[in-house]
């Protein structure tokens, strides 16, 4: 499935949630979609958990 089709399906799901469920449902579907995207990237091996916990460049622990 191409990214365009995936984006189309995600947009349609958000549109239906917003129309039938209101703003709260729209936000819930968007948040769960983002979480699913991150988990999918992690399971595909495209995302390393160290990227979330690694300090940004240049920062060093000066206590040692």
N, C-alpha and C. Protein backbone atom coordinates (compact mmCIF):
# COMPACT_ATOMS: atom_id res chain seq x y z
N UNK A 1 0.85 -1.17 0.00
CA UNK A 1 0.00 0.00 0.00
C UNK A 1 0.90 1.23 0.00
N UNK A 2 0.61 2.15 -0.87
CA UNK A 2 1.43 3.35 -0.95
C UNK A 2 1.07 4.30 0.20
N UNK A 3 1.94 5.25 0.44
CA UNK A 3 1.72 6.22 1.52
C UNK A 3 0.53 7.12 1.21
N UNK A 4 0.26 7.35 -0.08
CA UNK A 4 -0.89 8.17 -0.45
C UNK A 4 -2.20 7.47 -0.06
N UNK A 5 -2.27 6.18 -0.29
CA UNK A 5 -3.47 5.42 0.07
C UNK A 5 -3.62 5.36 1.59
N UNK A 6 -2.51 5.16 2.29
CA UNK A 6 -2.55 5.13 3.75
C UNK A 6 -3.01 6.48 4.30
N UNK A 7 -2.53 7.55 3.72
CA UNK A 7 -2.95 8.89 4.14
C UNK A 7 -4.42 9.13 3.84
N UNK A 8 -4.88 8.64 2.71
CA UNK A 8 -6.29 8.76 2.35
C UNK A 8 -7.17 8.03 3.36
N UNK A 9 -6.80 6.81 3.70
CA UNK A 9 -7.57 6.03 4.67
C UNK A 9 -7.56 6.68 6.05
N UNK A 10 -6.41 7.19 6.47
CA UNK A 10 -6.33 7.87 7.76
C UNK A 10 -7.19 9.12 7.77
N UNK A 11 -7.16 9.87 6.70
CA UNK A 11 -7.98 11.07 6.61
C UNK A 11 -9.47 10.76 6.62
N UNK A 12 -9.85 9.70 5.94
CA UNK A 12 -11.26 9.30 5.95
C UNK A 12 -11.70 8.84 7.33
N UNK A 13 -10.85 8.09 8.02
CA UNK A 13 -11.19 7.64 9.37
C UNK A 13 -11.35 8.83 10.31
N UNK A 14 -10.45 9.80 10.21
CA UNK A 14 -10.56 10.99 11.05
C UNK A 14 -11.80 11.81 10.70
N UNK A 15 -12.11 11.88 9.43
CA UNK A 15 -13.30 12.61 9.01
C UNK A 15 -14.58 11.97 9.54
N UNK A 16 -14.66 10.64 9.44
CA UNK A 16 -15.84 9.95 9.97
C UNK A 16 -15.93 10.11 11.48
N UNK A 17 -14.80 9.99 12.17
CA UNK A 17 -14.81 10.15 13.63
C UNK A 17 -15.24 11.55 14.02
N UNK A 18 -14.76 12.54 13.30
CA UNK A 18 -15.13 13.92 13.61
C UNK A 18 -16.59 14.21 13.31
N UNK A 19 -17.10 13.64 12.23
CA UNK A 19 -18.48 13.91 11.83
C UNK A 19 -19.49 13.20 12.75
N UNK A 20 -19.23 11.93 13.00
CA UNK A 20 -20.20 11.13 13.76
C UNK A 20 -19.96 11.18 15.27
N UNK A 21 -18.73 11.39 15.70
CA UNK A 21 -18.44 11.31 17.13
C UNK A 21 -18.09 12.63 17.77
N UNK A 22 -17.90 13.67 16.99
CA UNK A 22 -17.54 14.96 17.54
C UNK A 22 -16.03 15.11 17.68
N UNK A 23 -15.66 16.22 18.30
CA UNK A 23 -14.24 16.56 18.40
C UNK A 23 -13.48 15.58 19.28
N UNK A 24 -14.10 15.10 20.35
CA UNK A 24 -13.43 14.15 21.24
C UNK A 24 -13.05 12.87 20.53
N UNK A 25 -13.95 12.36 19.69
CA UNK A 25 -13.66 11.15 18.92
C UNK A 25 -12.56 11.42 17.90
N UNK A 26 -12.59 12.61 17.31
CA UNK A 26 -11.55 12.99 16.35
C UNK A 26 -10.17 12.96 17.01
N UNK A 27 -10.06 13.55 18.19
CA UNK A 27 -8.78 13.59 18.91
C UNK A 27 -8.35 12.18 19.31
N UNK A 28 -9.29 11.36 19.78
CA UNK A 28 -8.97 9.99 20.18
C UNK A 28 -8.45 9.18 19.00
N UNK A 29 -9.11 9.28 17.86
CA UNK A 29 -8.66 8.54 16.67
C UNK A 29 -7.30 9.04 16.21
N UNK A 30 -7.08 10.33 16.26
CA UNK A 30 -5.77 10.88 15.86
C UNK A 30 -4.67 10.41 16.80
N UNK A 31 -4.92 10.41 18.11
CA UNK A 31 -3.91 9.98 19.08
C UNK A 31 -3.60 8.49 18.93
N UNK A 32 -4.64 7.68 18.79
CA UNK A 32 -4.40 6.24 18.62
C UNK A 32 -3.71 5.95 17.29
N UNK A 33 -4.00 6.72 16.27
CA UNK A 33 -3.30 6.56 14.99
C UNK A 33 -1.82 6.89 15.11
N UNK A 34 -1.50 7.94 15.86
CA UNK A 34 -0.09 8.31 16.06
C UNK A 34 0.64 7.24 16.86
N UNK A 35 -0.01 6.71 17.88
CA UNK A 35 0.61 5.65 18.68
C UNK A 35 0.83 4.41 17.82
N UNK A 36 -0.17 4.06 17.02
CA UNK A 36 -0.03 2.92 16.12
C UNK A 36 1.08 3.10 15.11
N UNK A 37 1.24 4.32 14.62
CA UNK A 37 2.31 4.61 13.67
C UNK A 37 3.69 4.39 14.30
N UNK A 38 3.86 4.88 15.53
CA UNK A 38 5.15 4.73 16.22
C UNK A 38 5.42 3.26 16.52
N UNK A 39 4.42 2.52 16.98
CA UNK A 39 4.60 1.09 17.25
C UNK A 39 4.92 0.34 15.97
N UNK A 40 4.24 0.67 14.90
CA UNK A 40 4.53 0.03 13.62
C UNK A 40 5.94 0.28 13.13
N UNK A 41 6.40 1.51 13.27
CA UNK A 41 7.79 1.82 12.88
C UNK A 41 8.78 1.05 13.73
N UNK A 42 8.47 0.92 15.04
CA UNK A 42 9.34 0.18 15.94
C UNK A 42 9.38 -1.30 15.55
N UNK A 43 8.24 -1.89 15.26
CA UNK A 43 8.19 -3.30 14.90
C UNK A 43 8.83 -3.58 13.55
N UNK A 44 8.80 -2.61 12.64
CA UNK A 44 9.46 -2.76 11.35
C UNK A 44 10.97 -2.63 11.46
N UNK A 45 11.45 -2.12 12.58
CA UNK A 45 12.88 -1.93 12.76
C UNK A 45 13.38 -0.59 12.29
N UNK A 46 12.48 0.32 11.95
CA UNK A 46 12.88 1.64 11.47
C UNK A 46 13.13 2.62 12.60
N UNK A 47 12.81 2.24 13.81
CA UNK A 47 12.89 3.14 14.95
C UNK A 47 13.62 2.43 16.07
N UNK A 48 14.57 3.13 16.68
CA UNK A 48 15.34 2.58 17.79
C UNK A 48 14.90 3.25 19.08
N UNK A 49 14.64 2.47 20.12
CA UNK A 49 14.17 3.06 21.38
C UNK A 49 15.22 3.99 21.99
N UNK A 50 16.48 3.80 21.68
CA UNK A 50 17.53 4.68 22.19
C UNK A 50 17.40 6.10 21.69
N UNK A 51 16.71 6.30 20.57
CA UNK A 51 16.52 7.64 20.04
C UNK A 51 15.66 8.49 20.96
N UNK A 52 14.79 7.86 21.75
CA UNK A 52 13.93 8.60 22.66
C UNK A 52 14.64 8.97 23.96
N UNK A 53 15.62 8.18 24.37
CA UNK A 53 16.25 8.36 25.67
C UNK A 53 17.67 8.89 25.60
N UNK A 54 18.21 9.03 24.43
CA UNK A 54 19.57 9.52 24.25
C UNK A 54 19.59 11.04 24.40
N UNK A 55 20.57 11.57 25.14
CA UNK A 55 20.64 13.04 25.25
C UNK A 55 20.97 13.67 23.90
N UNK A 56 20.55 14.90 23.74
CA UNK A 56 20.85 15.60 22.49
C UNK A 56 22.35 15.85 22.38
N UNK A 57 22.81 16.17 21.19
CA UNK A 57 24.24 16.36 20.96
C UNK A 57 24.87 17.36 21.91
N UNK A 58 26.10 17.24 22.19
CA UNK A 58 26.81 18.22 23.00
C UNK A 58 26.56 18.15 24.49
N UNK A 59 25.49 17.55 24.95
CA UNK A 59 25.22 17.48 26.38
C UNK A 59 26.03 16.34 26.98
N UNK A 60 26.73 16.64 28.06
CA UNK A 60 27.51 15.62 28.75
C UNK A 60 27.25 15.73 30.24
N UNK A 61 27.31 14.61 30.92
CA UNK A 61 27.15 14.60 32.36
C UNK A 61 28.46 15.07 32.97
N UNK A 62 28.46 16.21 33.62
CA UNK A 62 29.70 16.80 34.15
C UNK A 62 30.00 16.36 35.56
N UNK A 63 29.20 15.48 36.13
CA UNK A 63 29.44 15.02 37.49
C UNK A 63 30.58 14.03 37.57
N UNK A 64 30.99 13.47 36.48
CA UNK A 64 32.05 12.45 36.52
C UNK A 64 33.39 13.04 36.25
